[in-house]
């Protein structure tokens, strides 16, 4: 699967008193990129997934910070999705300001039903990831 990229502008509310982005906001940016990937590449919003009976909890997350991002910089958040063992959907992320690598991250997900029972990956997703 090819890299997907979205651009965000740092909002003042995302920073601490020194104008540096608060660390947890990087996780929010990863979610923004992931939801936009579902919408733009898969043609589904999270609400659509839930209507289809799919939920996508985060099982694991990490973020390694390299260079601080500051207000009002623009950040490119890129992701690369992959399927692991036919069960997990994983995303690798990079957050960059211009040519500077600011942070790298990772999330692991599994599809479940509303009660939390693990489901196989939907056929439409497997098909999308093989394009």
N, C-alpha and C. Protein backbone atom coordinates (compact mmCIF):
# COMPACT_ATOMS: atom_id res chain seq x y z
N UNK A 1 0.85 -1.19 0.00
CA UNK A 1 0.00 0.00 0.00
C UNK A 1 0.88 1.24 0.00
N UNK A 2 0.43 2.22 -0.69
CA UNK A 2 1.19 3.45 -0.79
C UNK A 2 0.97 4.36 0.41
N UNK A 3 1.91 5.24 0.58
CA UNK A 3 1.85 6.23 1.65
C UNK A 3 0.67 7.17 1.43
N UNK A 4 0.00 7.53 2.51
CA UNK A 4 -1.08 8.51 2.49
C UNK A 4 -0.64 9.69 3.35
N UNK A 5 -0.94 10.90 2.90
CA UNK A 5 -0.46 12.08 3.62
C UNK A 5 -1.58 13.09 3.79
N UNK A 6 -1.59 13.72 4.96
CA UNK A 6 -2.50 14.82 5.22
C UNK A 6 -1.72 15.94 5.90
N UNK A 7 -2.15 17.17 5.70
CA UNK A 7 -1.45 18.33 6.28
C UNK A 7 -2.35 18.98 7.33
N UNK A 8 -1.73 19.32 8.45
CA UNK A 8 -2.42 19.98 9.56
C UNK A 8 -1.67 21.24 9.94
N UNK A 9 -2.40 22.25 10.37
CA UNK A 9 -1.76 23.45 10.90
C UNK A 9 -1.90 23.41 12.41
N UNK A 10 -0.79 23.60 13.11
CA UNK A 10 -0.79 23.56 14.57
C UNK A 10 -1.65 24.70 15.09
N UNK A 11 -2.58 24.35 15.95
CA UNK A 11 -3.42 25.35 16.61
C UNK A 11 -2.79 25.73 17.94
N UNK A 12 -3.00 26.96 18.34
CA UNK A 12 -2.42 27.44 19.59
C UNK A 12 -2.85 26.56 20.76
N UNK A 13 -4.08 26.09 20.75
CA UNK A 13 -4.62 25.26 21.84
C UNK A 13 -3.89 23.92 21.96
N UNK A 14 -3.14 23.53 20.94
CA UNK A 14 -2.41 22.27 20.97
C UNK A 14 -1.03 22.40 21.62
N UNK A 15 -0.69 23.61 22.05
CA UNK A 15 0.66 23.85 22.56
C UNK A 15 0.66 24.13 24.06
N UNK A 16 1.86 24.03 24.62
CA UNK A 16 2.04 24.41 26.02
C UNK A 16 2.42 25.90 26.07
N UNK A 17 2.77 26.38 27.22
CA UNK A 17 3.08 27.81 27.39
C UNK A 17 4.30 28.25 26.57
N UNK A 18 5.15 27.29 26.21
CA UNK A 18 6.35 27.62 25.42
C UNK A 18 6.08 27.58 23.92
N UNK A 19 4.83 27.29 23.52
CA UNK A 19 4.50 27.21 22.10
C UNK A 19 4.86 25.88 21.47
N UNK A 20 5.23 24.89 22.28
CA UNK A 20 5.58 23.55 21.80
C UNK A 20 4.35 22.66 21.87
N UNK A 21 4.13 21.87 20.82
CA UNK A 21 2.96 20.99 20.80
C UNK A 21 3.03 19.99 21.95
N UNK A 22 1.94 19.89 22.69
CA UNK A 22 1.80 18.94 23.80
C UNK A 22 1.86 17.53 23.23
N UNK A 23 2.59 16.65 23.90
CA UNK A 23 2.93 15.34 23.36
C UNK A 23 1.71 14.50 22.94
N UNK A 24 0.60 14.56 23.66
CA UNK A 24 -0.55 13.72 23.34
C UNK A 24 -1.22 14.13 22.03
N UNK A 25 -0.98 15.36 21.58
CA UNK A 25 -1.60 15.80 20.33
C UNK A 25 -1.06 15.06 19.11
N UNK A 26 0.13 14.51 19.22
CA UNK A 26 0.66 13.70 18.12
C UNK A 26 -0.23 12.48 17.89
N UNK A 27 -0.75 11.91 18.97
CA UNK A 27 -1.67 10.77 18.84
C UNK A 27 -2.96 11.20 18.17
N UNK A 28 -3.42 12.40 18.48
CA UNK A 28 -4.61 12.94 17.82
C UNK A 28 -4.34 13.11 16.33
N UNK A 29 -3.17 13.62 15.98
CA UNK A 29 -2.83 13.79 14.57
C UNK A 29 -2.78 12.46 13.85
N UNK A 30 -2.29 11.43 14.53
CA UNK A 30 -2.27 10.09 13.92
C UNK A 30 -3.70 9.63 13.65
N UNK A 31 -4.61 9.91 14.57
CA UNK A 31 -6.01 9.53 14.35
C UNK A 31 -6.63 10.33 13.21
N UNK A 32 -6.31 11.60 13.12
CA UNK A 32 -6.82 12.42 12.01
C UNK A 32 -6.38 11.81 10.68
N UNK A 33 -5.11 11.48 10.56
CA UNK A 33 -4.61 10.88 9.32
C UNK A 33 -5.31 9.56 9.03
N UNK A 34 -5.49 8.75 10.07
CA UNK A 34 -6.13 7.44 9.90
C UNK A 34 -7.59 7.58 9.46
N UNK A 35 -8.34 8.49 10.07
CA UNK A 35 -9.74 8.65 9.67
C UNK A 35 -9.84 9.23 8.27
N UNK A 36 -8.92 10.13 7.91
CA UNK A 36 -8.93 10.66 6.55
C UNK A 36 -8.56 9.58 5.54
N UNK A 37 -7.64 8.69 5.92
CA UNK A 37 -7.29 7.57 5.04
C UNK A 37 -8.51 6.70 4.79
N UNK A 38 -9.25 6.37 5.84
CA UNK A 38 -10.47 5.56 5.66
C UNK A 38 -11.46 6.26 4.74
N UNK A 39 -11.62 7.58 4.92
CA UNK A 39 -12.58 8.31 4.09
C UNK A 39 -12.12 8.41 2.64
N UNK A 40 -10.86 8.82 2.44
CA UNK A 40 -10.39 9.11 1.08
C UNK A 40 -9.98 7.86 0.31
N UNK A 41 -9.40 6.87 0.96
CA UNK A 41 -8.91 5.68 0.26
C UNK A 41 -9.96 4.57 0.28
N UNK A 42 -10.60 4.37 1.42
CA UNK A 42 -11.57 3.28 1.56
C UNK A 42 -13.00 3.73 1.29
N UNK A 43 -13.25 5.04 1.27
CA UNK A 43 -14.59 5.54 1.01
C UNK A 43 -15.55 5.34 2.17
N UNK A 44 -15.02 5.25 3.40
CA UNK A 44 -15.86 5.02 4.57
C UNK A 44 -15.41 5.90 5.74
N UNK A 45 -16.39 6.47 6.43
CA UNK A 45 -16.10 7.17 7.67
C UNK A 45 -16.16 6.17 8.81
N UNK A 46 -15.70 6.57 9.99
CA UNK A 46 -15.83 5.68 11.15
C UNK A 46 -17.30 5.41 11.43
N UNK A 47 -18.17 6.40 11.21
CA UNK A 47 -19.61 6.19 11.40
C UNK A 47 -20.13 5.12 10.45
N UNK A 48 -19.63 5.14 9.20
CA UNK A 48 -20.00 4.09 8.24
C UNK A 48 -19.58 2.71 8.73
N UNK A 49 -18.35 2.63 9.25
CA UNK A 49 -17.85 1.35 9.77
C UNK A 49 -18.77 0.83 10.88
N UNK A 50 -19.15 1.71 11.78
CA UNK A 50 -20.01 1.30 12.89
C UNK A 50 -21.38 0.86 12.40
N UNK A 51 -21.92 1.54 11.39
CA UNK A 51 -23.21 1.12 10.81
C UNK A 51 -23.10 -0.27 10.18
N UNK A 52 -21.90 -0.58 9.64
CA UNK A 52 -21.67 -1.90 9.05
C UNK A 52 -21.37 -2.96 10.11
N UNK A 53 -21.29 -2.52 11.38
CA UNK A 53 -21.06 -3.47 12.47
C UNK A 53 -19.59 -3.66 12.83
N UNK A 54 -18.74 -2.74 12.37
CA UNK A 54 -17.30 -2.84 12.64
C UNK A 54 -16.85 -1.74 13.60
N UNK A 55 -16.04 -2.13 14.54
CA UNK A 55 -15.39 -1.20 15.45
C UNK A 55 -13.89 -1.45 15.35
N UNK A 56 -13.10 -0.45 15.61
CA UNK A 56 -11.66 -0.54 15.35
C UNK A 56 -10.86 -0.03 16.55
N UNK A 57 -10.85 -0.77 17.65
CA UNK A 57 -10.10 -0.30 18.82
C UNK A 57 -8.59 -0.30 18.58
N UNK A 58 -7.92 0.58 19.29
CA UNK A 58 -6.46 0.62 19.27
C UNK A 58 -5.96 -0.39 20.29
N UNK A 59 -5.10 -1.31 19.85
CA UNK A 59 -4.51 -2.30 20.75
C UNK A 59 -3.15 -1.88 21.25
N UNK A 60 -2.44 -1.12 20.43
CA UNK A 60 -1.08 -0.71 20.78
C UNK A 60 -0.80 0.60 20.08
N UNK A 61 -0.06 1.47 20.75
CA UNK A 61 0.31 2.75 20.17
C UNK A 61 1.68 3.15 20.70
N UNK A 62 2.44 3.79 19.84
CA UNK A 62 3.71 4.35 20.30
C UNK A 62 4.01 5.60 19.47
N UNK A 63 4.78 6.47 20.07
CA UNK A 63 5.21 7.68 19.37
C UNK A 63 6.59 8.05 19.89
N UNK A 64 7.51 8.25 18.98
CA UNK A 64 8.87 8.65 19.34
C UNK A 64 9.09 10.07 18.81
N UNK A 65 9.44 10.95 19.72
CA UNK A 65 9.57 12.37 19.41
C UNK A 65 11.03 12.69 19.08
N UNK A 66 11.22 13.41 17.98
CA UNK A 66 12.57 13.74 17.51
C UNK A 66 12.88 15.23 17.68
N UNK A 67 12.04 16.07 17.06
CA UNK A 67 12.23 17.52 17.08
C UNK A 67 10.86 18.15 17.39
N UNK A 68 10.79 19.06 18.35
CA UNK A 68 9.49 19.64 18.71
C UNK A 68 8.82 20.36 17.54
N UNK A 69 7.51 20.28 17.51
CA UNK A 69 6.70 21.06 16.58
C UNK A 69 6.14 22.23 17.38
N UNK A 70 6.10 23.39 16.73
CA UNK A 70 5.68 24.61 17.42
C UNK A 70 4.53 25.29 16.67
N UNK A 71 3.80 26.07 17.40
CA UNK A 71 2.78 26.92 16.81
C UNK A 71 3.46 28.02 16.01
N UNK A 72 3.01 28.35 14.82
CA UNK A 72 1.90 27.88 14.01
C UNK A 72 2.37 27.04 12.82
N UNK A 73 3.32 26.17 13.02
CA UNK A 73 3.85 25.37 11.91
C UNK A 73 2.78 24.49 11.27
N UNK A 74 3.05 24.08 10.04
CA UNK A 74 2.22 23.08 9.37
C UNK A 74 2.94 21.75 9.47
N UNK A 75 2.17 20.71 9.69
CA UNK A 75 2.71 19.36 9.88
C UNK A 75 2.11 18.44 8.83
N UNK A 76 2.98 17.72 8.12
CA UNK A 76 2.52 16.66 7.23
C UNK A 76 2.54 15.36 8.01
N UNK A 77 1.38 14.73 8.11
CA UNK A 77 1.26 13.45 8.79
C UNK A 77 1.05 12.39 7.72
N UNK A 78 2.00 11.49 7.60
CA UNK A 78 1.87 10.42 6.61
C UNK A 78 1.69 9.10 7.32
N UNK A 79 1.02 8.19 6.63
CA UNK A 79 0.84 6.86 7.19
C UNK A 79 0.98 5.82 6.10
N UNK A 80 1.37 4.65 6.52
CA UNK A 80 1.41 3.48 5.64
C UNK A 80 0.70 2.36 6.39
N UNK A 81 -0.42 1.85 5.82
CA UNK A 81 -1.14 0.77 6.47
C UNK A 81 -0.60 -0.59 6.03
N UNK A 82 -0.81 -1.58 6.89
CA UNK A 82 -0.46 -2.96 6.51
C UNK A 82 -1.27 -3.93 7.36
N UNK A 83 -1.49 -5.09 6.80
CA UNK A 83 -2.19 -6.17 7.50
C UNK A 83 -1.14 -7.13 8.05
N UNK A 84 -1.33 -7.56 9.29
CA UNK A 84 -0.41 -8.50 9.93
C UNK A 84 -1.19 -9.74 10.33
N UNK A 85 -0.71 -10.88 9.86
CA UNK A 85 -1.32 -12.18 10.18
C UNK A 85 -2.80 -12.25 9.82
N UNK A 86 -3.22 -11.44 8.87
CA UNK A 86 -4.61 -11.45 8.42
C UNK A 86 -5.60 -11.00 9.48
N UNK A 87 -5.11 -10.49 10.58
CA UNK A 87 -5.99 -10.15 11.69
C UNK A 87 -5.84 -8.69 12.13
N UNK A 88 -4.61 -8.22 12.19
CA UNK A 88 -4.35 -6.87 12.70
C UNK A 88 -4.17 -5.89 11.55
N UNK A 89 -4.63 -4.68 11.77
CA UNK A 89 -4.39 -3.59 10.85
C UNK A 89 -3.43 -2.65 11.56
N UNK A 90 -2.27 -2.45 10.97
CA UNK A 90 -1.25 -1.60 11.59
C UNK A 90 -0.96 -0.40 10.70
N UNK A 91 -0.60 0.70 11.33
CA UNK A 91 -0.24 1.92 10.62
C UNK A 91 1.08 2.43 11.16
N UNK A 92 1.97 2.79 10.27
CA UNK A 92 3.20 3.49 10.62
C UNK A 92 3.00 4.95 10.22
N UNK A 93 3.45 5.86 11.07
CA UNK A 93 3.24 7.30 10.86
C UNK A 93 4.57 8.04 10.89
N UNK A 94 4.62 9.11 10.13
CA UNK A 94 5.69 10.10 10.24
C UNK A 94 5.05 11.47 10.28
N UNK A 95 5.57 12.31 11.16
CA UNK A 95 5.11 13.70 11.25
C UNK A 95 6.29 14.60 10.94
N UNK A 96 6.10 15.44 9.92
CA UNK A 96 7.19 16.29 9.44
C UNK A 96 6.74 17.73 9.30
N UNK A 97 7.66 18.63 9.61
CA UNK A 97 7.50 20.04 9.28
C UNK A 97 8.55 20.34 8.22
N UNK A 98 8.08 20.66 7.04
CA UNK A 98 8.96 20.83 5.89
C UNK A 98 9.80 19.58 5.70
N UNK A 99 11.12 19.68 5.79
CA UNK A 99 11.95 18.50 5.58
C UNK A 99 12.43 17.88 6.90
N UNK A 100 11.93 18.39 8.03
CA UNK A 100 12.36 17.90 9.34
C UNK A 100 11.46 16.77 9.82
N UNK A 101 12.06 15.65 10.18
CA UNK A 101 11.30 14.55 10.78
C UNK A 101 11.12 14.89 12.26
N UNK A 102 9.88 15.12 12.66
CA UNK A 102 9.58 15.53 14.03
C UNK A 102 9.21 14.37 14.94
N UNK A 103 8.50 13.38 14.39
CA UNK A 103 8.07 12.25 15.22
C UNK A 103 7.71 11.08 14.31
N UNK A 104 7.84 9.88 14.86
CA UNK A 104 7.37 8.66 14.19
C UNK A 104 6.46 7.92 15.16
N UNK A 105 5.46 7.25 14.61
CA UNK A 105 4.51 6.55 15.46
C UNK A 105 4.01 5.27 14.83
N UNK A 106 3.20 4.57 15.61
CA UNK A 106 2.69 3.27 15.22
C UNK A 106 1.38 3.03 15.96
N UNK A 107 0.39 2.46 15.27
CA UNK A 107 -0.81 1.96 15.95
C UNK A 107 -1.15 0.58 15.41
N UNK A 108 -1.71 -0.25 16.28
CA UNK A 108 -2.20 -1.58 15.91
C UNK A 108 -3.67 -1.65 16.30
N UNK A 109 -4.48 -2.17 15.37
CA UNK A 109 -5.92 -2.25 15.56
C UNK A 109 -6.42 -3.64 15.21
N UNK A 110 -7.60 -3.93 15.68
CA UNK A 110 -8.30 -5.15 15.29
C UNK A 110 -9.76 -4.78 15.08
N UNK A 111 -10.40 -5.41 14.14
CA UNK A 111 -11.82 -5.17 13.93
C UNK A 111 -12.61 -6.01 14.93
N UNK A 112 -13.63 -5.40 15.52
CA UNK A 112 -14.52 -6.12 16.44
C UNK A 112 -15.97 -5.77 16.11
N UNK A 113 -16.88 -6.55 16.68
CA UNK A 113 -18.29 -6.16 16.62
C UNK A 113 -18.57 -5.26 17.82
N UNK A 114 -19.82 -4.87 18.00
CA UNK A 114 -20.18 -3.94 19.08
C UNK A 114 -19.93 -4.51 20.46
N UNK A 115 -19.87 -5.83 20.58
CA UNK A 115 -19.62 -6.47 21.88
C UNK A 115 -18.15 -6.75 22.14
N UNK A 116 -17.30 -6.43 21.15
CA UNK A 116 -15.87 -6.63 21.32
C UNK A 116 -15.34 -7.95 20.78
N UNK A 117 -16.19 -8.73 20.11
CA UNK A 117 -15.75 -9.99 19.51
C UNK A 117 -14.89 -9.68 18.28
N UNK A 118 -13.72 -10.28 18.21
CA UNK A 118 -12.80 -10.04 17.10
C UNK A 118 -13.39 -10.59 15.81
N UNK A 119 -13.30 -9.79 14.75
CA UNK A 119 -13.82 -10.16 13.43
C UNK A 119 -12.68 -10.22 12.43
N UNK A 120 -12.90 -10.96 11.37
CA UNK A 120 -11.94 -10.96 10.25
C UNK A 120 -11.94 -9.59 9.60
N UNK A 121 -10.84 -9.28 8.96
CA UNK A 121 -10.79 -8.03 8.21
C UNK A 121 -11.83 -8.07 7.10
N UNK A 122 -12.55 -6.98 6.89
CA UNK A 122 -13.54 -6.95 5.81
C UNK A 122 -12.88 -7.15 4.44
N UNK A 123 -13.59 -7.81 3.55
CA UNK A 123 -13.05 -8.06 2.20
C UNK A 123 -12.70 -6.77 1.49
N UNK A 124 -13.53 -5.72 1.65
CA UNK A 124 -13.25 -4.46 0.97
C UNK A 124 -11.93 -3.86 1.43
N UNK A 125 -11.57 -4.08 2.70
CA UNK A 125 -10.31 -3.55 3.20
C UNK A 125 -9.14 -4.35 2.65
N UNK A 126 -9.25 -5.65 2.67
CA UNK A 126 -8.19 -6.50 2.11
C UNK A 126 -7.96 -6.14 0.64
N UNK A 127 -9.04 -5.93 -0.09
CA UNK A 127 -8.93 -5.55 -1.50
C UNK A 127 -8.25 -4.19 -1.65
N UNK A 128 -8.62 -3.22 -0.82
CA UNK A 128 -8.03 -1.88 -0.87
C UNK A 128 -6.54 -1.94 -0.60
N UNK A 129 -6.14 -2.75 0.36
CA UNK A 129 -4.72 -2.81 0.74
C UNK A 129 -3.86 -3.53 -0.28
N UNK A 130 -4.47 -4.30 -1.17
CA UNK A 130 -3.69 -5.00 -2.18
C UNK A 130 -3.57 -4.21 -3.48
N UNK A 131 -4.23 -3.07 -3.56
CA UNK A 131 -4.15 -2.24 -4.78
C UNK A 131 -2.81 -1.59 -4.93
